[in-house]
Amino acid sequence: MKDCRLTEAETKFAEIIWANGPLKSSELVRLCEGSLNWKKSTTYTMLKRLEDKGIFQNENGLVRSLIGKEDFYAEQSKQFVAETFEGSLPRFVAAFARRKKLSEKEIDELQKLIDEHRGE
């Protein structure tokens, strides 16, 4: 995946494909007309942009993901932490926790994640 940053419109478009894919490009056009009010040309332009980013593929009229939604967001998060916090996940969590008090559930989930990674 070349560049995982997406505009708001690209994100909405990607969510449609992830929720419905793999799907025929004609079905994608129909879905985008209904939910985004896009013309066919807009849908194909957007699809080409996300193909160029290595996220989706349109082959013989079948649109499919080259990277799943969860993997995409994981990569996007990794890139954000790398660019904003010099790659330090603890610095990111500390900055996040400064502005928002973590709930007991969030603390437990973070601890579980840490414990799982310690076991690797």
Protein backbone atom coordinates (compact mmCIF):
# COMPACT_ATOMS: atom_id res chain seq x y z
CA MET A 1 0.00 0.00 0.00
CA LYS A 2 1.55 3.25 -1.15
CA ASP A 3 -0.21 6.02 0.76
CA CYS A 4 -2.85 5.10 3.27
CA ARG A 5 -4.16 8.61 3.84
CA LEU A 6 -7.67 9.05 2.54
CA THR A 7 -9.86 12.08 2.12
CA GLU A 8 -13.30 12.06 3.72
CA ALA A 9 -14.91 11.14 0.37
CA GLU A 10 -12.36 8.37 -0.23
CA THR A 11 -13.07 6.96 3.23
CA LYS A 12 -16.84 6.89 2.63
CA PHE A 13 -16.24 5.21 -0.72
CA ALA A 14 -13.86 2.64 0.77
CA GLU A 15 -16.37 1.82 3.51
CA ILE A 16 -18.97 1.00 0.84
CA ILE A 17 -16.60 -1.44 -0.85
CA TRP A 18 -15.52 -3.06 2.42
CA ALA A 19 -19.14 -3.47 3.50
CA ASN A 20 -20.33 -4.94 0.19
CA GLY A 21 -17.32 -6.39 -1.58
CA PRO A 22 -16.33 -8.13 -3.59
CA LEU A 23 -18.92 -6.65 -5.94
CA LYS A 24 -19.49 -5.88 -9.57
CA SER A 25 -18.45 -2.40 -10.61
CA SER A 26 -22.01 -1.77 -11.84
CA GLU A 27 -23.30 -2.55 -8.34
CA LEU A 28 -20.71 -0.18 -6.87
CA VAL A 29 -21.93 2.57 -9.20
CA ARG A 30 -25.51 1.92 -8.04
CA LEU A 31 -24.53 2.00 -4.35
CA CYS A 32 -22.56 5.24 -4.81
CA GLU A 33 -25.47 6.86 -6.66
CA GLY A 34 -27.75 5.98 -3.76
CA SER A 35 -25.61 6.77 -0.76
CA LEU A 36 -23.18 9.41 -2.05
CA ASN A 37 -25.24 10.91 -4.89
CA TRP A 38 -22.34 10.30 -7.29
CA LYS A 39 -22.42 9.92 -11.04
CA LYS A 40 -20.88 6.87 -12.69
CA SER A 41 -17.82 8.87 -13.76
CA THR A 42 -17.18 10.04 -10.17
CA THR A 43 -17.34 6.46 -8.89
CA TYR A 44 -14.85 5.23 -11.49
CA THR A 45 -12.51 8.18 -10.87
CA MET A 46 -12.53 7.46 -7.14
CA LEU A 47 -12.04 3.75 -7.72
CA LYS A 48 -9.01 4.47 -9.91
CA ARG A 49 -7.52 6.70 -7.19
CA LEU A 50 -7.87 3.96 -4.58
CA GLU A 51 -6.54 1.36 -7.00
CA ASP A 52 -3.47 3.58 -7.46
CA LYS A 53 -3.08 3.61 -3.66
CA GLY A 54 -3.11 -0.19 -3.66
CA ILE A 55 -6.29 -0.59 -1.60
CA PHE A 56 -8.72 -1.99 -4.19
CA GLN A 57 -8.63 -3.72 -7.55
CA ASN A 58 -11.13 -3.63 -10.41
CA GLU A 59 -10.49 -6.64 -12.60
CA ASN A 60 -12.96 -7.64 -15.32
CA GLY A 61 -15.67 -5.57 -13.64
CA LEU A 62 -15.21 -7.15 -10.21
CA VAL A 63 -14.10 -4.80 -7.44
CA ARG A 64 -12.31 -6.38 -4.50
CA SER A 65 -10.16 -5.31 -1.59
CA LEU A 66 -6.42 -5.78 -1.74
CA ILE A 67 -6.24 -4.85 1.93
CA GLY A 68 -8.98 -5.45 4.48
CA LYS A 69 -10.58 -2.70 6.50
CA GLU A 70 -8.92 -3.67 9.79
CA ASP A 71 -5.49 -4.01 8.18
CA PHE A 72 -5.96 -0.68 6.43
CA TYR A 73 -6.80 1.15 9.67
CA ALA A 74 -3.93 -0.60 11.46
CA GLU A 75 -1.51 0.64 8.79
CA GLN A 76 -3.02 4.12 8.91
CA SER A 77 -2.60 4.21 12.70
CA LYS A 78 0.98 2.99 12.45
CA GLN A 79 1.77 5.71 9.93
CA PHE A 80 0.14 8.38 12.13
CA VAL A 81 2.15 7.31 15.19
CA ALA A 82 5.35 7.20 13.14
CA GLU A 83 4.85 10.69 11.73
CA THR A 84 3.41 12.38 14.80
CA PHE A 85 5.06 10.65 17.77
CA GLU A 86 8.37 9.54 16.25
CA GLY A 87 7.04 5.98 16.15
CA SER A 88 6.47 5.81 19.90
CA LEU A 89 3.20 4.14 20.81
CA PRO A 90 3.66 4.95 24.54
CA ARG A 91 4.00 8.66 23.65
CA PHE A 92 0.80 8.45 21.60
CA VAL A 93 -1.15 6.76 24.42
CA ALA A 94 0.22 9.27 26.95
CA ALA A 95 -0.86 12.19 24.76
CA PHE A 96 -4.29 10.65 24.24
CA ALA A 97 -4.75 9.95 27.95
CA ARG A 98 -3.82 13.54 28.88
CA ARG A 99 -7.02 14.83 27.26
CA LYS A 100 -9.38 11.94 27.94
CA LYS A 101 -9.65 9.95 31.12
CA LEU A 102 -9.42 6.28 30.25
CA SER A 103 -12.30 4.14 31.46
CA GLU A 104 -11.68 0.96 33.42
CA LYS A 105 -12.78 -1.00 30.36
CA GLU A 106 -10.24 0.82 28.15
CA ILE A 107 -7.49 0.24 30.71
CA ASP A 108 -8.38 -3.46 30.85
CA GLU A 109 -8.36 -3.69 27.04
CA LEU A 110 -4.96 -1.99 26.85
CA GLN A 111 -3.60 -4.30 29.56
CA LYS A 112 -4.93 -7.34 27.68
CA LEU A 113 -3.24 -6.12 24.51
CA ILE A 114 0.05 -5.63 26.37
CA ASP A 115 -0.22 -9.08 27.94
CA GLU A 116 -0.92 -10.68 24.54
CA HIS A 117 2.13 -9.02 23.01
CA ARG A 118 4.34 -10.03 25.92
CA GLY A 119 3.42 -13.64 25.23
CA GLU A 120 4.55 -13.50 21.58
